[in-house]
Amino acid sequence: MEETRTGKPHQIFWKERKQGSVTGVIDVVSFDESAVLLETSLGMLTLKGKELHISRLSLETGEVDMEGTIDSMVYSGSGPAAKGSFLKRMFR
């Protein structure tokens, strides 16, 4: 994986949809019990679920540990791996 501004590669590890960790985190944009929005080295990452809690946050190392039931993880925005939107690539 490509290392970027955080100095750490971006990785997601989740165990049984109940707890996990994300590396390569630049900032926590917003969070509540149903959604967490993280700015990562590969773009914005939205995690949706129930009873979500951030148990550990270290922006110096770019690591976030979370607990709760995850229903979905979705990337948006651009990051180093993105080559442009689908429509942009279609009409080159």
N, C-alpha and C. Protein backbone atom coordinates (compact mmCIF):
# COMPACT_ATOMS: atom_id res chain seq x y z
N MET A 1 0.84 -1.18 0.00
CA MET A 1 0.00 0.00 0.00
C MET A 1 0.88 1.24 0.00
N GLU A 2 0.35 2.29 -0.54
CA GLU A 2 1.11 3.52 -0.66
C GLU A 2 1.05 4.31 0.64
N GLU A 3 2.19 4.75 1.13
CA GLU A 3 2.23 5.59 2.31
C GLU A 3 2.06 7.04 1.88
N THR A 4 1.30 7.79 2.68
CA THR A 4 1.04 9.18 2.33
C THR A 4 1.32 10.10 3.51
N ARG A 5 0.56 11.15 3.65
CA ARG A 5 0.81 12.18 4.64
C ARG A 5 0.95 11.65 6.06
N THR A 6 0.26 10.58 6.43
CA THR A 6 0.33 10.08 7.79
C THR A 6 1.58 9.27 8.03
N GLY A 7 2.27 8.84 6.96
CA GLY A 7 3.45 8.02 7.11
C GLY A 7 3.13 6.56 7.32
N LYS A 8 1.87 6.21 7.41
CA LYS A 8 1.43 4.84 7.60
C LYS A 8 0.54 4.43 6.44
N PRO A 9 0.60 3.18 6.02
CA PRO A 9 -0.30 2.72 4.97
C PRO A 9 -1.73 2.64 5.49
N HIS A 10 -2.67 2.76 4.58
CA HIS A 10 -4.09 2.68 4.95
C HIS A 10 -4.52 1.22 4.97
N GLN A 11 -5.04 0.80 6.12
CA GLN A 11 -5.54 -0.56 6.28
C GLN A 11 -6.80 -0.54 7.11
N ILE A 12 -7.66 -1.52 6.86
CA ILE A 12 -8.87 -1.71 7.68
C ILE A 12 -8.86 -3.14 8.17
N PHE A 13 -9.07 -3.29 9.47
CA PHE A 13 -9.20 -4.62 10.06
C PHE A 13 -10.47 -4.61 10.90
N TRP A 14 -11.35 -5.57 10.65
CA TRP A 14 -12.60 -5.64 11.41
C TRP A 14 -12.83 -7.08 11.84
N LYS A 15 -13.22 -7.27 13.08
CA LYS A 15 -13.45 -8.61 13.62
C LYS A 15 -14.92 -8.78 13.94
N GLU A 16 -15.56 -9.71 13.22
CA GLU A 16 -16.95 -10.10 13.45
C GLU A 16 -17.91 -8.92 13.49
N ARG A 17 -17.62 -7.88 12.70
CA ARG A 17 -18.47 -6.68 12.60
C ARG A 17 -18.69 -5.99 13.93
N LYS A 18 -17.89 -6.29 14.95
CA LYS A 18 -18.09 -5.72 16.29
C LYS A 18 -16.98 -4.76 16.71
N GLN A 19 -15.76 -5.02 16.30
CA GLN A 19 -14.65 -4.14 16.68
C GLN A 19 -13.60 -4.18 15.60
N GLY A 20 -12.84 -3.08 15.50
CA GLY A 20 -11.81 -3.06 14.48
C GLY A 20 -10.96 -1.83 14.55
N SER A 21 -10.10 -1.70 13.55
CA SER A 21 -9.18 -0.56 13.51
C SER A 21 -8.98 -0.11 12.07
N VAL A 22 -8.63 1.16 11.95
CA VAL A 22 -8.34 1.77 10.65
C VAL A 22 -7.02 2.50 10.81
N THR A 23 -6.09 2.31 9.87
CA THR A 23 -4.84 3.06 9.87
C THR A 23 -4.81 3.95 8.64
N GLY A 24 -3.88 4.88 8.61
CA GLY A 24 -3.82 5.84 7.50
C GLY A 24 -4.85 6.94 7.65
N VAL A 25 -5.31 7.18 8.89
CA VAL A 25 -6.33 8.20 9.16
C VAL A 25 -5.65 9.55 9.33
N ILE A 26 -6.16 10.54 8.62
CA ILE A 26 -5.64 11.89 8.70
C ILE A 26 -6.47 12.71 9.70
N ASP A 27 -7.81 12.52 9.69
CA ASP A 27 -8.68 13.30 10.56
C ASP A 27 -10.00 12.57 10.76
N VAL A 28 -10.63 12.81 11.91
CA VAL A 28 -12.00 12.36 12.15
C VAL A 28 -12.89 13.56 11.87
N VAL A 29 -13.65 13.49 10.78
CA VAL A 29 -14.47 14.62 10.36
C VAL A 29 -15.72 14.73 11.23
N SER A 30 -16.40 13.60 11.45
CA SER A 30 -17.58 13.59 12.32
C SER A 30 -17.81 12.18 12.82
N PHE A 31 -18.54 12.09 13.93
CA PHE A 31 -18.90 10.78 14.45
C PHE A 31 -20.09 10.90 15.38
N ASP A 32 -20.91 9.87 15.37
CA ASP A 32 -21.97 9.68 16.35
C ASP A 32 -22.22 8.17 16.43
N GLU A 33 -23.26 7.75 17.11
CA GLU A 33 -23.48 6.32 17.32
C GLU A 33 -23.89 5.57 16.05
N SER A 34 -24.28 6.30 14.99
CA SER A 34 -24.72 5.62 13.78
C SER A 34 -23.78 5.80 12.58
N ALA A 35 -22.84 6.74 12.65
CA ALA A 35 -21.94 6.96 11.51
C ALA A 35 -20.65 7.63 11.96
N VAL A 36 -19.55 7.22 11.32
CA VAL A 36 -18.24 7.83 11.55
C VAL A 36 -17.67 8.19 10.19
N LEU A 37 -17.22 9.43 10.04
CA LEU A 37 -16.63 9.90 8.79
C LEU A 37 -15.16 10.20 9.04
N LEU A 38 -14.29 9.44 8.35
CA LEU A 38 -12.85 9.58 8.52
C LEU A 38 -12.22 10.07 7.22
N GLU A 39 -11.28 11.00 7.34
CA GLU A 39 -10.45 11.37 6.20
C GLU A 39 -9.23 10.47 6.25
N THR A 40 -9.05 9.65 5.22
CA THR A 40 -7.91 8.73 5.18
C THR A 40 -6.98 9.13 4.05
N SER A 41 -5.85 8.47 3.99
CA SER A 41 -4.88 8.74 2.94
C SER A 41 -5.39 8.34 1.56
N LEU A 42 -6.48 7.57 1.50
CA LEU A 42 -7.06 7.16 0.22
C LEU A 42 -8.44 7.76 -0.03
N GLY A 43 -8.81 8.79 0.70
CA GLY A 43 -10.09 9.45 0.50
C GLY A 43 -10.95 9.38 1.75
N MET A 44 -12.16 9.91 1.66
CA MET A 44 -13.08 9.91 2.79
C MET A 44 -13.68 8.52 2.95
N LEU A 45 -13.77 8.06 4.20
CA LEU A 45 -14.32 6.75 4.51
C LEU A 45 -15.48 6.94 5.48
N THR A 46 -16.68 6.48 5.08
CA THR A 46 -17.85 6.54 5.93
C THR A 46 -18.17 5.15 6.43
N LEU A 47 -18.25 5.00 7.75
CA LEU A 47 -18.63 3.73 8.37
C LEU A 47 -19.99 3.95 9.01
N LYS A 48 -20.96 3.12 8.65
CA LYS A 48 -22.30 3.23 9.22
C LYS A 48 -22.62 1.98 10.01
N GLY A 49 -23.39 2.15 11.07
CA GLY A 49 -23.75 1.01 11.89
C GLY A 49 -24.55 1.42 13.11
N LYS A 50 -24.41 0.65 14.17
CA LYS A 50 -25.17 0.88 15.40
C LYS A 50 -24.20 0.88 16.58
N GLU A 51 -24.46 1.76 17.53
CA GLU A 51 -23.69 1.84 18.76
C GLU A 51 -22.19 1.96 18.50
N LEU A 52 -21.82 2.80 17.55
CA LEU A 52 -20.42 3.00 17.19
C LEU A 52 -19.73 3.91 18.21
N HIS A 53 -18.54 3.50 18.63
CA HIS A 53 -17.76 4.26 19.58
C HIS A 53 -16.29 4.21 19.18
N ILE A 54 -15.62 5.33 19.27
CA ILE A 54 -14.18 5.37 19.04
C ILE A 54 -13.51 5.08 20.37
N SER A 55 -12.83 3.95 20.46
CA SER A 55 -12.19 3.57 21.73
C SER A 55 -10.77 4.11 21.85
N ARG A 56 -10.11 4.35 20.70
CA ARG A 56 -8.75 4.90 20.72
C ARG A 56 -8.53 5.69 19.45
N LEU A 57 -7.95 6.88 19.60
CA LEU A 57 -7.66 7.74 18.46
C LEU A 57 -6.26 8.31 18.62
N SER A 58 -5.42 8.12 17.60
CA SER A 58 -4.10 8.72 17.58
C SER A 58 -3.85 9.28 16.18
N LEU A 59 -4.05 10.58 16.04
CA LEU A 59 -3.81 11.20 14.73
C LEU A 59 -2.33 11.30 14.43
N GLU A 60 -1.48 11.27 15.46
CA GLU A 60 -0.04 11.30 15.22
C GLU A 60 0.41 10.06 14.45
N THR A 61 -0.16 8.90 14.81
CA THR A 61 0.19 7.66 14.11
C THR A 61 -0.84 7.30 13.04
N GLY A 62 -1.97 8.03 12.99
CA GLY A 62 -2.99 7.77 11.98
C GLY A 62 -3.82 6.53 12.26
N GLU A 63 -4.06 6.23 13.56
CA GLU A 63 -4.78 5.01 13.93
C GLU A 63 -6.06 5.32 14.69
N VAL A 64 -7.11 4.57 14.37
CA VAL A 64 -8.39 4.68 15.06
C VAL A 64 -8.88 3.26 15.37
N ASP A 65 -9.23 3.02 16.64
CA ASP A 65 -9.86 1.76 17.04
C ASP A 65 -11.31 2.06 17.36
N MET A 66 -12.21 1.19 16.90
CA MET A 66 -13.65 1.42 17.08
C MET A 66 -14.34 0.15 17.55
N GLU A 67 -15.50 0.35 18.17
CA GLU A 67 -16.36 -0.74 18.59
C GLU A 67 -17.78 -0.42 18.13
N GLY A 68 -18.58 -1.44 17.92
CA GLY A 68 -19.96 -1.28 17.49
C GLY A 68 -20.25 -2.21 16.33
N THR A 69 -21.48 -2.23 15.90
CA THR A 69 -21.89 -3.09 14.79
C THR A 69 -21.79 -2.30 13.49
N ILE A 70 -20.94 -2.76 12.57
CA ILE A 70 -20.75 -2.10 11.28
C ILE A 70 -21.71 -2.69 10.25
N ASP A 71 -22.46 -1.81 9.58
CA ASP A 71 -23.35 -2.22 8.51
C ASP A 71 -22.76 -1.94 7.13
N SER A 72 -21.98 -0.86 7.01
CA SER A 72 -21.39 -0.55 5.70
C SER A 72 -20.15 0.32 5.86
N MET A 73 -19.26 0.21 4.85
CA MET A 73 -18.07 1.05 4.74
C MET A 73 -18.03 1.53 3.30
N VAL A 74 -17.96 2.85 3.11
CA VAL A 74 -18.00 3.42 1.77
C VAL A 74 -16.94 4.51 1.64
N TYR A 75 -16.17 4.45 0.55
CA TYR A 75 -15.20 5.50 0.24
C TYR A 75 -15.85 6.53 -0.67
N SER A 76 -15.46 7.79 -0.49
CA SER A 76 -15.90 8.85 -1.39
C SER A 76 -14.75 9.84 -1.53
N GLY A 77 -14.88 10.71 -2.48
CA GLY A 77 -13.81 11.67 -2.71
C GLY A 77 -12.67 11.02 -3.46
N SER A 78 -11.61 11.78 -3.60
CA SER A 78 -10.48 11.25 -4.35
C SER A 78 -9.31 11.01 -3.42
N GLY A 79 -8.51 10.08 -3.79
CA GLY A 79 -7.28 9.77 -3.07
C GLY A 79 -6.25 9.40 -4.09
N PRO A 80 -5.05 9.08 -3.67
CA PRO A 80 -4.00 8.73 -4.61
C PRO A 80 -4.35 7.56 -5.52
N ALA A 81 -5.20 6.64 -5.05
CA ALA A 81 -5.53 5.48 -5.86
C ALA A 81 -6.62 5.77 -6.89
N ALA A 82 -7.35 6.87 -6.71
CA ALA A 82 -8.46 7.19 -7.61
C ALA A 82 -7.91 7.76 -8.91
N LYS A 83 -8.45 7.32 -10.01
CA LYS A 83 -8.02 7.79 -11.32
C LYS A 83 -9.04 8.76 -11.92
N GLY A 84 -10.02 9.18 -11.15
CA GLY A 84 -11.07 10.05 -11.65
C GLY A 84 -12.41 9.33 -11.55
N SER A 85 -13.45 10.10 -11.69
CA SER A 85 -14.79 9.52 -11.59
C SER A 85 -15.07 8.61 -12.78
N PHE A 86 -16.08 7.79 -12.63
CA PHE A 86 -16.48 6.87 -13.68
C PHE A 86 -16.84 7.65 -14.96
N LEU A 87 -17.63 8.72 -14.83
CA LEU A 87 -18.02 9.50 -16.02
C LEU A 87 -16.83 10.17 -16.67
N LYS A 88 -15.91 10.66 -15.85
CA LYS A 88 -14.72 11.30 -16.39
C LYS A 88 -13.90 10.32 -17.22
N ARG A 89 -13.78 9.07 -16.74
CA ARG A 89 -13.03 8.05 -17.48
C ARG A 89 -13.76 7.62 -18.73
N MET A 90 -15.08 7.63 -18.70
CA MET A 90 -15.89 7.21 -19.87
C MET A 90 -15.74 8.19 -21.03
N PHE A 91 -15.61 9.49 -20.72
CA PHE A 91 -15.61 10.49 -21.79
C PHE A 91 -14.24 11.10 -22.03
N ARG A 92 -13.19 10.31 -21.92
CA ARG A 92 -11.84 10.77 -22.24
C ARG A 92 -11.67 10.91 -23.72
